[in-house]
C-alpha atoms as a PDB file:
ATOM      1  CA  MET A   1      -1.205 -39.536  -8.259  1.00  0.00           C
ATOM      2  CA  ILE A   2      -3.191 -37.045  -6.150  1.00  0.00           C
ATOM      3  CA  ARG A   3      -0.253 -36.720  -3.729  1.00  0.00           C
ATOM      4  CA  LYS A   4       2.065 -35.875  -6.618  1.00  0.00           C
ATOM      5  CA  LEU A   5      -0.340 -33.205  -7.891  1.00  0.00           C
ATOM      6  CA  LEU A   6      -0.708 -31.687  -4.413  1.00  0.00           C
ATOM      7  CA  ALA A   7       3.061 -31.711  -3.922  1.00  0.00           C
ATOM      8  CA  ALA A   8       3.587 -30.091  -7.334  1.00  0.00           C
ATOM      9  CA  GLY A   9       1.001 -27.412  -6.526  1.00  0.00           C
ATOM     10  CA  ALA A  10       2.659 -26.671  -3.188  1.00  0.00           C
ATOM     11  CA  ALA A  11       6.068 -26.431  -4.854  1.00  0.00           C
ATOM     12  CA  ILE A  12       4.725 -23.984  -7.437  1.00  0.00           C
ATOM     13  CA  ALA A  13       3.138 -21.856  -4.715  1.00  0.00           C
ATOM     14  CA  LEU A  14       6.386 -21.758  -2.717  1.00  0.00           C
ATOM     15  CA  THR A  15       8.419 -20.907  -5.805  1.00  0.00           C
ATOM     16  CA  THR A  16       6.001 -18.130  -6.770  1.00  0.00           C
ATOM     17  CA  THR A  17       6.185 -16.661  -3.276  1.00  0.00           C
ATOM     18  CA  ALA A  18       9.984 -16.795  -3.324  1.00  0.00           C
ATOM     19  CA  LEU A  19      10.180 -15.151  -6.739  1.00  0.00           C
ATOM     20  CA  THR A  20       7.711 -12.376  -5.964  1.00  0.00           C
ATOM     21  CA  GLY A  21       9.563 -11.535  -2.811  1.00  0.00           C
ATOM     22  CA  GLY A  22       7.462 -12.243   0.162  1.00  0.00           C
ATOM     23  CA  ALA A  23       4.741 -13.667   2.209  1.00  0.00           C
ATOM     24  CA  LEU A  24       1.192 -12.678   1.588  1.00  0.00           C
ATOM     25  CA  ALA A  25      -0.080  -9.836   3.706  1.00  0.00           C
ATOM     26  CA  GLU A  26      -1.366 -11.046   7.062  1.00  0.00           C
ATOM     27  CA  LEU A  27      -4.235  -8.592   7.285  1.00  0.00           C
ATOM     28  CA  GLU A  28      -7.263  -9.445   5.202  1.00  0.00           C
ATOM     29  CA  ALA A  29     -10.509  -7.798   4.202  1.00  0.00           C
ATOM     30  CA  GLY A  30     -12.858  -7.587   7.163  1.00  0.00           C
ATOM     31  CA  GLU A  31     -10.111  -7.233   9.772  1.00  0.00           C
ATOM     32  CA  THR A  32      -9.414  -4.078  11.764  1.00  0.00           C
ATOM     33  CA  ALA A  33      -6.501  -2.013  10.461  1.00  0.00           C
ATOM     34  CA  PRO A  34      -3.978  -1.203  13.201  1.00  0.00           C
ATOM     35  CA  ASP A  35      -3.806   2.514  13.961  1.00  0.00           C
ATOM     36  CA  PHE A  36      -0.554   4.289  13.117  1.00  0.00           C
ATOM     37  CA  THR A  37       1.102   7.674  12.936  1.00  0.00           C
ATOM     38  CA  VAL A  38       3.738   8.368  10.282  1.00  0.00           C
ATOM     39  CA  GLU A  39       5.929  11.285   9.247  1.00  0.00           C
ATOM     40  CA  GLY A  40       6.841  12.249   5.703  1.00  0.00           C
ATOM     41  CA  PHE A  41       6.280  14.806   2.979  1.00  0.00           C
ATOM     42  CA  GLN A  42       3.728  16.221   0.580  1.00  0.00           C
ATOM     43  CA  ALA A  43       4.841  18.623  -2.139  1.00  0.00           C
ATOM     44  CA  GLY A  44       8.267  18.643  -0.491  1.00  0.00           C
ATOM     45  CA  GLU A  45       6.885  19.942   2.813  1.00  0.00           C
ATOM     46  CA  PRO A  46       6.852  17.973   6.094  1.00  0.00           C
ATOM     47  CA  ALA A  47       3.588  16.156   6.806  1.00  0.00           C
ATOM     48  CA  SER A  48       2.258  13.783   9.430  1.00  0.00           C
ATOM     49  CA  PHE A  49      -0.641  11.372   9.317  1.00  0.00           C
ATOM     50  CA  THR A  50      -2.616   9.399  11.891  1.00  0.00           C
ATOM     51  CA  LEU A  51      -4.955   6.761  10.492  1.00  0.00           C
ATOM     52  CA  SER A  52      -7.702   7.047  13.121  1.00  0.00           C
ATOM     53  CA  GLU A  53      -7.872  10.831  12.660  1.00  0.00           C
ATOM     54  CA  ALA A  54      -7.911  10.646   8.859  1.00  0.00           C
ATOM     55  CA  LEU A  55     -10.763   8.127   8.820  1.00  0.00           C
ATOM     56  CA  ALA A  56     -13.071  10.792  10.247  1.00  0.00           C
ATOM     57  CA  ASN A  57     -12.889  12.401   6.784  1.00  0.00           C
ATOM     58  CA  GLY A  58     -13.407   9.265   4.673  1.00  0.00           C
ATOM     59  CA  PRO A  59     -11.726   6.026   3.648  1.00  0.00           C
ATOM     60  CA  VAL A  60      -7.956   5.768   3.308  1.00  0.00           C
ATOM     61  CA  VAL A  61      -5.955   4.067   0.562  1.00  0.00           C
ATOM     62  CA  ALA A  62      -2.552   3.197   2.016  1.00  0.00           C
ATOM     63  CA  PHE A  63      -0.162   1.817  -0.543  1.00  0.00           C
ATOM     64  CA  PHE A  64       3.127   0.379   0.636  1.00  0.00           C
ATOM     65  CA  PHE A  65       5.947   0.402  -1.879  1.00  0.00           C
ATOM     66  CA  PRO A  66       9.519  -0.959  -1.727  1.00  0.00           C
ATOM     67  CA  ALA A  67      11.592   2.217  -2.069  1.00  0.00           C
ATOM     68  CA  ALA A  68      11.551   5.760  -3.387  1.00  0.00           C
ATOM     69  CA  PHE A  69      13.366   6.286  -6.683  1.00  0.00           C
ATOM     70  CA  THR A  70      13.065   2.761  -8.018  1.00  0.00           C
ATOM     71  CA  GLY A  71      11.400   2.148 -11.371  1.00  0.00           C
ATOM     72  CA  GLY A  72       8.264   0.285 -10.268  1.00  0.00           C
ATOM     73  CA  CYS A  73       7.706   2.626  -7.341  1.00  0.00           C
ATOM     74  CA  GLU A  74       8.001   5.683  -9.569  1.00  0.00           C
ATOM     75  CA  ALA A  75       5.407   4.163 -11.937  1.00  0.00           C
ATOM     76  CA  GLN A  76       3.071   3.285  -9.071  1.00  0.00           C
ATOM     77  CA  ALA A  77       3.283   6.739  -7.505  1.00  0.00           C
ATOM     78  CA  ALA A  78       2.666   8.392 -10.884  1.00  0.00           C
ATOM     79  CA  SER A  79      -0.349   6.149 -11.452  1.00  0.00           C
ATOM     80  CA  PHE A  80      -1.890   7.147  -8.121  1.00  0.00           C
ATOM     81  CA  ALA A  81      -1.107  10.819  -8.819  1.00  0.00           C
ATOM     82  CA  GLU A  82      -2.780  10.672 -12.246  1.00  0.00           C
ATOM     83  CA  SER A  83      -5.902   9.141 -10.677  1.00  0.00           C
ATOM     84  CA  ILE A  84      -6.096  11.361  -7.581  1.00  0.00           C
ATOM     85  CA  GLY A  85      -9.264  13.075  -8.835  1.00  0.00           C
ATOM     86  CA  GLU A  86     -11.092   9.731  -8.958  1.00  0.00           C
ATOM     87  CA  PHE A  87     -10.020   8.946  -5.387  1.00  0.00           C
ATOM     88  CA  GLU A  88     -11.118  12.382  -4.174  1.00  0.00           C
ATOM     89  CA  ALA A  89     -14.475  12.005  -5.937  1.00  0.00           C
ATOM     90  CA  LEU A  90     -15.001   8.824  -3.906  1.00  0.00           C
ATOM     91  CA  GLY A  91     -14.090  10.695  -0.706  1.00  0.00           C
ATOM     92  CA  ALA A  92     -10.835   8.805  -0.183  1.00  0.00           C
ATOM     93  CA  GLN A  93      -7.406   9.987   0.875  1.00  0.00           C
ATOM     94  CA  VAL A  94      -4.358   8.328  -0.724  1.00  0.00           C
ATOM     95  CA  ILE A  95      -1.056   7.908   1.101  1.00  0.00           C
ATOM     96  CA  GLY A  96       2.152   6.132   0.174  1.00  0.00           C
ATOM     97  CA  ILE A  97       4.357   4.417   2.764  1.00  0.00           C
ATOM     98  CA  THR A  98       7.832   2.956   2.374  1.00  0.00           C
ATOM     99  CA  ALA A  99      10.840   1.740   4.300  1.00  0.00           C
ATOM    100  CA  GLY A 100      13.284   2.191   1.407  1.00  0.00           C
ATOM    101  CA  ASN A 101      15.224   5.375   0.616  1.00  0.00           C
ATOM    102  CA  THR A 102      13.230   7.359   3.174  1.00  0.00           C
ATOM    103  CA  ASP A 103      15.887  10.077   3.207  1.00  0.00           C
ATOM    104  CA  ARG A 104      14.662  11.087  -0.272  1.00  0.00           C
ATOM    105  CA  LEU A 105      10.908  11.282   0.361  1.00  0.00           C
ATOM    106  CA  ALA A 106      10.709  15.088   0.141  1.00  0.00           C
ATOM    107  CA  GLU A 107      12.095  14.958  -3.389  1.00  0.00           C
ATOM    108  CA  PHE A 108      10.005  11.874  -4.291  1.00  0.00           C
ATOM    109  CA  SER A 109       6.811  13.622  -3.131  1.00  0.00           C
ATOM    110  CA  THR A 110       7.239  16.333  -5.744  1.00  0.00           C
ATOM    111  CA  GLN A 111       8.848  14.436  -8.617  1.00  0.00           C
ATOM    112  CA  HIS A 112       6.890  11.194  -8.708  1.00  0.00           C
ATOM    113  CA  CYS A 113       3.822  11.862  -6.562  1.00  0.00           C
ATOM    114  CA  ALA A 114       3.308  15.165  -8.400  1.00  0.00           C
ATOM    115  CA  SER A 115       2.549  16.724  -4.992  1.00  0.00           C
ATOM    116  CA  ALA A 116      -0.892  15.043  -5.242  1.00  0.00           C
ATOM    117  CA  PHE A 117      -0.660  12.979  -2.046  1.00  0.00           C
ATOM    118  CA  PRO A 118       1.768  12.519   0.851  1.00  0.00           C
ATOM    119  CA  VAL A 119       4.410   9.824   1.209  1.00  0.00           C
ATOM    120  CA  PHE A 120       5.654   8.627   4.558  1.00  0.00           C
ATOM    121  CA  ALA A 121       8.456   6.648   6.125  1.00  0.00           C
ATOM    122  CA  ILE A 122       7.134   3.504   7.749  1.00  0.00           C
ATOM    123  CA  SER A 123       6.866   3.792  11.533  1.00  0.00           C
ATOM    124  CA  ASP A 124       8.223   1.426  14.154  1.00  0.00           C
ATOM    125  CA  GLY A 125       6.166  -1.736  14.385  1.00  0.00           C
ATOM    126  CA  MET A 126       4.236  -1.051  11.229  1.00  0.00           C
ATOM    127  CA  MET A 127       6.258  -3.507   9.129  1.00  0.00           C
ATOM    128  CA  SER A 128       5.037  -6.383  11.295  1.00  0.00           C
ATOM    129  CA  ASP A 129       1.573  -4.917  12.051  1.00  0.00           C
ATOM    130  CA  TYR A 130       0.789  -4.761   8.342  1.00  0.00           C
ATOM    131  CA  GLU A 131       3.048  -7.707   7.385  1.00  0.00           C
ATOM    132  CA  VAL A 132       4.701  -5.776   4.576  1.00  0.00           C
ATOM    133  CA  GLY A 133       8.352  -6.742   4.931  1.00  0.00           C
ATOM    134  CA  LEU A 134       9.948  -7.590   1.596  1.00  0.00           C
ATOM    135  CA  MET A 135      11.622 -10.956   2.094  1.00  0.00           C
ATOM    136  CA  MET A 136      13.952 -10.655  -0.898  1.00  0.00           C
ATOM    137  CA  ARG A 137      15.153  -7.223   0.239  1.00  0.00           C
ATOM    138  CA  PRO A 138      15.190  -6.919   4.052  1.00  0.00           C
ATOM    139  CA  GLY A 139      14.490  -3.405   5.259  1.00  0.00           C
ATOM    140  CA  TRP A 140      12.243  -2.570   2.310  1.00  0.00           C
ATOM    141  CA  THR A 141       8.472  -2.885   2.095  1.00  0.00           C
ATOM    142  CA  GLN A 142       6.373  -5.207  -0.013  1.00  0.00           C
ATOM    143  CA  ARG A 143       4.109  -3.667  -2.656  1.00  0.00           C
ATOM    144  CA  THR A 144       0.773  -3.986  -0.837  1.00  0.00           C
ATOM    145  CA  THR A 145      -2.249  -1.711  -0.988  1.00  0.00           C
ATOM    146  CA  TYR A 146      -4.921  -1.494   1.680  1.00  0.00           C
ATOM    147  CA  VAL A 147      -8.274   0.246   1.348  1.00  0.00           C
ATOM    148  CA  ILE A 148      -9.475   1.067   4.854  1.00  0.00           C
ATOM    149  CA  GLY A 149     -13.088   2.048   5.532  1.00  0.00           C
ATOM    150  CA  THR A 150     -14.163   4.780   7.931  1.00  0.00           C
ATOM    151  CA  ASP A 151     -14.849   2.141  10.602  1.00  0.00           C
ATOM    152  CA  GLN A 152     -11.151   1.135  10.373  1.00  0.00           C
ATOM    153  CA  THR A 153     -12.075  -2.132   8.672  1.00  0.00           C
ATOM    154  CA  ILE A 154      -9.958  -3.321   5.770  1.00  0.00           C
ATOM    155  CA  ALA A 155     -12.027  -3.391   2.580  1.00  0.00           C
ATOM    156  CA  LEU A 156      -9.138  -4.509   0.335  1.00  0.00           C
ATOM    157  CA  GLU A 157      -5.710  -6.053   0.740  1.00  0.00           C
ATOM    158  CA  TYR A 158      -3.898  -6.306  -2.580  1.00  0.00           C
ATOM    159  CA  THR A 159      -0.323  -7.590  -2.777  1.00  0.00           C
ATOM    160  CA  GLU A 160       1.331  -7.674  -6.181  1.00  0.00           C
ATOM    161  CA  MET A 161       4.877  -6.662  -7.088  1.00  0.00           C
ATOM    162  CA  SER A 162       3.709  -5.296 -10.427  1.00  0.00           C
ATOM    163  CA  PRO A 163       2.756  -1.655  -9.811  1.00  0.00           C
ATOM    164  CA  TYR A 164       0.104  -1.459 -12.501  1.00  0.00           C
ATOM    165  CA  GLU A 165      -3.119  -2.837 -10.962  1.00  0.00           C
ATOM    166  CA  HIS A 166      -3.019  -1.186  -7.532  1.00  0.00           C
ATOM    167  CA  VAL A 167      -4.985   1.891  -8.629  1.00  0.00           C
ATOM    168  CA  ASP A 168      -7.717  -0.084 -10.413  1.00  0.00           C
ATOM    169  CA  GLN A 169      -8.058  -2.539  -7.515  1.00  0.00           C
ATOM    170  CA  SER A 170      -8.296   0.341  -5.021  1.00  0.00           C
ATOM    171  CA  LEU A 171     -10.902   2.257  -7.010  1.00  0.00           C
ATOM    172  CA  ALA A 172     -13.038  -0.866  -7.399  1.00  0.00           C
ATOM    173  CA  ALA A 173     -12.873  -1.518  -3.648  1.00  0.00           C
ATOM    174  CA  LEU A 174     -13.809   2.089  -2.884  1.00  0.00           C
ATOM    175  CA  ARG A 175     -16.788   1.906  -5.232  1.00  0.00           C
ATOM    176  CA  ALA A 176     -17.941  -1.317  -3.557  1.00  0.00           C
ATOM    177  CA  LEU A 177     -17.423   0.240  -0.146  1.00  0.00           C
ATOM    178  CA  GLY A 178     -19.487   3.276  -1.129  1.00  0.00           C
ATOM    179  CA  ALA A 179     -22.277   1.071  -2.448  1.00  0.00           C
ATOM    180  CA  ALA A 180     -22.300  -0.896   0.828  1.00  0.00           C
ATOM    181  CA  GLU A 181     -22.550   2.188   3.056  1.00  0.00           C
END
């Protein structure tokens, strides 16, 4: 009986992973975030970003999203843009990163990010470093948000294909991080 229950639980977990599109993020809270440099746009203008340099100014919220100009990604970007004041009040910088439709990031940065934060094309090696490949759509990124503390330690890893909880999860992690420092 116990074997049947364990087997059923494993089957449900595998099915859920297959339906949501990917493996869980490899990096977890407490681990060191790999450094990276990315290129992209903010308010339609070219921008670049290096994690280790940005952390000198406060924590970083890096949200990976599947592709620019897709419904869930538009909603997620708008949600971060609407909440940018809360992130700034906590001393955090928000960035979006994607592997999908990167040729349209300049336009996406103004239309859906409301010019509030930059969006970047994923850099070489970053897909595997952050384990954000979207299994159901090769070449696109999983919807995963990382909150990275000033010591380059991951305070939050949140993977969920629904775009609606990423902001709340990030803000809660930043508040906890601030209370711990």
